[in-house]
Amino acid sequence: MTQPPAPQSPTPERRYEHDDEISLVDLAVILVRRWKVMAVIFFLVVAIFVAAALLMPRNYQYSSLYSVAEYTNENGQRIGVESPASVVAKARNLYLGQTTRELLEEKKLISLPFDISISNPENTLLLQLDSESSESNQRLVAELHQRLITRLQQDQKQLVESRRESLQRQLASARQALESAQQSESASAAELIATYYSRVTDLESQLNELREGEVTQQAVQSLGPVGVGKKLIVAMGIVLGGLLATIGAFFMHFFGAVCRSLQKA
């Protein structure tokens, strides 16, 4: 009696053509059979990222520092004639837009190839302007920073003059009161003289310590490039290339399986 031939186990290719579930072995077989497709996709993606990294310009950070106009108060503390927060608000909302439009009109540009950020370093009377751009735009960055700082200086100069006039009036009044006390023969004249003399000394000190705003640093280039580095871009290309290569291999297998099913039908 002849025995029926033993059923042959379906090959991995036939099995995952009809089954919904694919084992890890089947996945490995697909990847091995599609290694050429994976290699082409991987090297193509990596080549694109390498080219982008080589062609991408190196950006640097350009920083300018402006010291806010300041004076010494009665307690010997250095304070600004205007709070740094107020100066930052004026620079952002009032002067930045005007200065940018003027520069664009003069240079006949549609937009600037960089942004500018304005901040006040904590616990300082400094205003910091930062821009990230390539070295080819360094002059343009420096010009924008300079124009913006000039606007701030002009505005603060008026505040300094107003503060100086106020101190001078107070000083003149204190000196007049001191002279009157020195000519007085009352019992409290000595006490008044000491009080007015101290007042005159304080006002003279405040007047002498009154300082206008000044530029301490203008568009200084950072020591090294900033932003995404070229090595990181290449590393991202390798990771993405491996991912797309794997996806491409499975897509090619799926497309081939669909074509074979249509041919059989």
Protein backbone atom coordinates (compact mmCIF):
# COMPACT_ATOMS: atom_id res chain seq x y z
CA MET A 1 0.00 0.00 0.00
CA THR A 2 1.49 3.19 -1.09
CA GLN A 3 1.66 5.99 1.40
CA PRO A 4 0.66 9.47 0.39
CA PRO A 5 3.60 11.78 -0.02
CA ALA A 6 4.49 13.71 3.08
CA PRO A 7 3.21 17.23 2.94
CA GLN A 8 5.96 19.68 2.27
CA SER A 9 6.30 22.54 4.61
CA PRO A 10 5.65 25.80 2.82
CA THR A 11 8.64 27.94 2.17
CA PRO A 12 8.89 31.19 4.13
CA GLU A 13 7.97 33.11 1.00
CA ARG A 14 4.74 31.11 0.45
CA ARG A 15 3.89 31.15 4.12
CA TYR A 16 3.96 34.90 4.59
CA GLU A 17 2.19 35.41 1.26
CA HIS A 18 -1.00 33.94 2.74
CA ASP A 19 -0.61 34.24 6.50
CA ASP A 20 -1.32 37.44 8.36
CA GLU A 21 1.37 36.73 10.92
CA ILE A 22 5.07 36.85 10.07
CA SER A 23 7.72 35.44 12.36
CA LEU A 24 11.07 37.01 13.09
CA VAL A 25 12.70 34.46 10.82
CA ASP A 26 10.47 35.56 7.96
CA LEU A 27 11.39 39.19 8.62
CA ALA A 28 15.06 38.31 8.56
CA VAL A 29 14.61 36.45 5.27
CA ILE A 30 12.93 39.48 3.72
CA LEU A 31 15.75 41.76 4.80
CA VAL A 32 18.42 39.38 3.50
CA ARG A 33 16.72 38.96 0.15
CA ARG A 34 16.24 42.73 -0.24
CA TRP A 35 19.72 43.75 0.86
CA LYS A 36 20.47 45.42 -2.46
CA VAL A 37 17.43 47.67 -2.15
CA MET A 38 18.36 48.45 1.43
CA ALA A 39 21.94 49.32 0.45
CA VAL A 40 20.80 51.67 -2.32
CA ILE A 41 18.33 53.49 -0.07
CA PHE A 42 20.78 53.71 2.82
CA PHE A 43 23.67 55.12 0.80
CA LEU A 44 21.36 57.49 -1.07
CA VAL A 45 19.97 58.97 2.15
CA VAL A 46 23.40 59.22 3.76
CA ALA A 47 24.81 60.88 0.65
CA ILE A 48 22.04 63.51 0.73
CA PHE A 49 22.74 64.31 4.40
CA VAL A 50 26.51 64.43 3.85
CA ALA A 51 26.02 66.85 0.94
CA ALA A 52 23.71 68.99 3.07
CA ALA A 53 26.27 69.05 5.88
CA LEU A 54 29.07 70.10 3.52
CA LEU A 55 27.02 72.79 1.79
CA MET A 56 25.45 74.16 4.98
CA PRO A 57 27.09 77.46 6.01
CA ARG A 58 28.63 77.64 9.47
CA ASN A 59 26.66 79.97 11.72
CA TYR A 60 28.18 81.98 14.54
CA GLN A 61 26.61 83.97 17.33
CA TYR A 62 27.25 87.70 17.32
CA SER A 63 26.71 89.48 20.63
CA SER A 64 26.58 93.16 21.55
CA LEU A 65 26.46 94.56 25.09
CA TYR A 66 25.09 97.95 26.06
CA SER A 67 25.53 99.34 29.57
CA VAL A 68 22.40 101.20 30.65
CA ALA A 69 22.81 104.79 31.87
CA GLU A 70 23.19 104.69 35.63
CA TYR A 71 23.83 106.68 38.80
CA THR A 72 24.55 106.08 42.47
CA ASN A 73 21.61 106.55 44.81
CA GLU A 74 21.68 107.78 48.40
CA ASN A 75 22.41 104.26 49.65
CA GLY A 76 25.48 103.94 47.42
CA GLN A 77 23.82 101.46 45.05
CA ARG A 78 24.28 101.66 41.30
CA ILE A 79 20.88 101.83 39.61
CA GLY A 80 19.79 102.68 36.10
CA VAL A 81 18.11 105.94 35.19
CA GLU A 82 15.64 103.52 33.61
CA SER A 83 15.08 99.91 34.60
CA PRO A 84 16.73 97.35 32.27
CA ALA A 85 13.36 95.67 31.78
CA SER A 86 11.94 98.94 30.47
CA VAL A 87 14.89 99.38 28.12
CA VAL A 88 14.41 95.84 26.77
CA ALA A 89 10.70 96.51 26.19
CA LYS A 90 11.46 99.73 24.31
CA ALA A 91 14.10 98.05 22.18
CA ARG A 92 11.81 95.18 21.23
CA ASN A 93 8.54 97.01 20.70
CA LEU A 94 9.58 100.49 19.61
CA TYR A 95 13.03 100.61 18.04
CA LEU A 96 13.62 97.15 16.56
CA GLY A 97 10.86 97.36 13.96
CA GLN A 98 11.81 100.89 12.86
CA THR A 99 15.50 100.10 12.64
CA THR A 100 14.91 96.90 10.69
CA ARG A 101 12.66 98.62 8.14
CA GLU A 102 15.19 101.39 7.59
CA LEU A 103 18.00 98.90 7.07
CA LEU A 104 15.94 96.83 4.64
CA GLU A 105 15.10 99.91 2.58
CA GLU A 106 18.71 101.07 2.42
CA LYS A 107 20.09 97.64 1.52
CA LYS A 108 17.14 96.87 -0.78
CA LEU A 109 16.41 93.59 0.96
CA ILE A 110 13.11 91.78 1.44
CA SER A 111 14.04 90.34 4.84
CA LEU A 112 17.07 89.94 7.04
CA PRO A 113 18.88 86.57 6.89
CA PHE A 114 19.05 86.44 10.68
CA ASP A 115 17.05 87.16 13.82
CA ILE A 116 17.94 89.30 16.80
CA SER A 117 17.15 88.61 20.44
CA ILE A 118 17.26 91.28 23.15
CA SER A 119 17.65 90.38 26.82
CA ASN A 120 18.90 91.64 30.15
CA PRO A 121 21.38 89.33 31.90
CA GLU A 122 20.21 88.67 35.44
CA ASN A 123 21.36 91.07 38.16
CA THR A 124 23.10 93.41 35.70
CA LEU A 125 22.52 96.79 34.09
CA LEU A 126 23.45 95.38 30.69
CA LEU A 127 21.41 94.97 27.56
CA GLN A 128 22.47 92.00 25.40
CA LEU A 129 21.77 91.69 21.68
CA ASP A 130 22.34 88.28 20.06
CA SER A 131 22.11 87.18 16.42
CA GLU A 132 23.01 83.90 14.73
CA SER A 133 24.25 84.17 11.17
CA SER A 134 27.02 83.18 8.79
CA GLU A 135 30.25 85.13 8.51
CA SER A 136 29.09 86.67 5.23
CA ASN A 137 26.41 88.61 7.13
CA GLN A 138 28.68 89.87 9.92
CA ARG A 139 28.69 93.48 8.68
CA LEU A 140 24.92 93.50 8.35
CA VAL A 141 24.53 92.14 11.88
CA ALA A 142 26.96 94.74 13.26
CA GLU A 143 25.13 97.55 11.50
CA LEU A 144 21.74 96.52 12.84
CA HIS A 145 23.10 96.18 16.38
CA GLN A 146 24.80 99.58 16.12
CA ARG A 147 21.67 101.35 14.88
CA LEU A 148 19.54 99.82 17.58
CA ILE A 149 22.00 100.76 20.31
CA THR A 150 22.28 104.31 18.91
CA ARG A 151 18.51 104.70 19.24
CA LEU A 152 18.70 103.54 22.84
CA GLN A 153 21.58 105.91 23.59
CA GLN A 154 19.69 108.89 22.20
CA ASP A 155 16.66 108.06 24.30
CA GLN A 156 18.69 107.49 27.45
CA LYS A 157 20.70 110.65 26.92
CA GLN A 158 17.52 112.65 27.41
CA LEU A 159 16.83 110.78 30.64
CA VAL A 160 20.38 111.45 31.85
CA GLU A 161 20.05 115.17 31.10
CA SER A 162 16.73 115.27 32.91
CA ARG A 163 18.26 113.49 35.88
CA ARG A 164 21.28 115.83 35.88
CA GLU A 165 19.07 118.94 35.81
CA SER A 166 17.01 117.56 38.70
CA LEU A 167 20.12 116.86 40.78
CA GLN A 168 21.53 120.29 39.98
CA ARG A 169 18.34 121.98 41.17
CA GLN A 170 18.35 119.94 44.35
CA LEU A 171 22.03 120.74 44.87
CA ALA A 172 21.48 124.46 44.40
CA SER A 173 18.60 124.39 46.86
CA ALA A 174 20.66 122.41 49.42
CA ARG A 175 23.60 124.82 49.11
CA GLN A 176 21.32 127.80 49.58
CA ALA A 177 19.82 126.18 52.67
CA LEU A 178 23.33 125.43 53.96
CA GLU A 179 24.39 129.05 53.54
CA SER A 180 21.28 130.21 55.36
CA ALA A 181 21.97 127.80 58.21
CA GLN A 182 25.58 128.97 58.43
CA GLN A 183 24.42 132.58 58.79
CA SER A 184 21.77 131.69 61.34
CA GLU A 185 22.41 132.26 65.07
CA SER A 186 19.68 129.92 66.31
CA ALA A 187 20.38 127.08 68.72
CA SER A 188 19.66 124.43 66.07
CA ALA A 189 21.95 126.03 63.50
CA ALA A 190 24.75 123.50 64.07
CA GLU A 191 22.39 120.58 63.56
CA LEU A 192 20.95 122.14 60.39
CA ILE A 193 24.43 122.82 59.05
CA ALA A 194 25.40 119.17 59.51
CA THR A 195 22.18 117.98 57.85
CA TYR A 196 22.47 120.29 54.85
CA TYR A 197 26.18 119.62 54.47
CA SER A 198 25.49 115.87 54.31
CA ARG A 199 22.74 116.53 51.78
CA VAL A 200 25.05 118.61 49.60
CA THR A 201 27.72 115.92 49.74
CA ASP A 202 25.26 113.20 48.71
CA LEU A 203 23.90 115.24 45.81
CA GLU A 204 27.39 116.09 44.56
CA SER A 205 28.31 112.41 44.69
CA GLN A 206 25.18 111.43 42.75
CA LEU A 207 25.88 114.11 40.18
CA ASN A 208 29.49 113.02 39.73
CA GLU A 209 28.55 109.35 39.49
CA LEU A 210 25.91 109.92 36.82
CA ARG A 211 26.95 107.90 33.74
CA GLU A 212 25.51 107.82 30.26
CA GLY A 213 24.89 104.52 28.51
CA GLU A 214 27.80 103.07 26.58
CA VAL A 215 28.61 100.19 24.27
CA THR A 216 30.87 97.65 25.97
CA GLN A 217 30.84 95.09 23.14
CA GLN A 218 29.60 95.23 19.56
CA ALA A 219 28.78 92.23 17.36
CA VAL A 220 31.59 90.06 18.76
CA GLN A 221 31.73 86.68 17.05
CA SER A 222 31.54 83.53 19.14
CA LEU A 223 34.65 81.36 19.37
CA GLY A 224 32.99 78.40 17.68
CA PRO A 225 30.03 77.78 15.36
CA VAL A 226 26.59 77.40 16.87
CA GLY A 227 23.53 75.43 15.89
CA VAL A 228 23.36 71.90 14.53
CA GLY A 229 26.84 70.55 13.83
CA LYS A 230 27.87 68.72 10.68
CA LYS A 231 28.66 65.53 12.60
CA LEU A 232 25.18 65.50 14.08
CA ILE A 233 23.64 65.93 10.62
CA VAL A 234 25.64 62.98 9.27
CA ALA A 235 24.65 60.88 12.30
CA MET A 236 21.00 61.74 11.70
CA GLY A 237 21.43 60.72 8.06
CA ILE A 238 22.83 57.32 9.08
CA VAL A 239 19.95 56.68 11.49
CA LEU A 240 17.32 57.83 9.02
CA GLY A 241 18.99 55.91 6.20
CA GLY A 242 18.85 52.68 8.18
CA LEU A 243 15.19 53.26 9.03
CA LEU A 244 14.16 54.10 5.47
CA ALA A 245 16.18 51.18 4.10
CA THR A 246 14.29 48.76 6.34
CA ILE A 247 10.94 50.28 5.45
CA GLY A 248 11.86 50.20 1.76
CA ALA A 249 12.74 46.51 1.92
CA PHE A 250 9.36 45.62 3.40
CA PHE A 251 7.57 47.87 0.94
CA MET A 252 9.31 46.17 -2.00
CA HIS A 253 8.36 42.77 -0.61
CA PHE A 254 4.76 43.88 -0.18
CA PHE A 255 4.66 45.30 -3.69
CA GLY A 256 6.12 42.06 -5.12
CA ALA A 257 3.59 39.94 -3.21
CA VAL A 258 0.73 42.04 -4.56
CA CYS A 259 2.01 41.72 -8.12
CA ARG A 260 2.30 37.92 -7.82
CA SER A 261 -1.21 37.68 -6.44
CA LEU A 262 -2.54 39.70 -9.35
CA GLN A 263 -0.72 37.48 -11.84
CA LYS A 264 -2.22 34.33 -10.28
CA ALA A 265 -5.67 35.86 -10.30
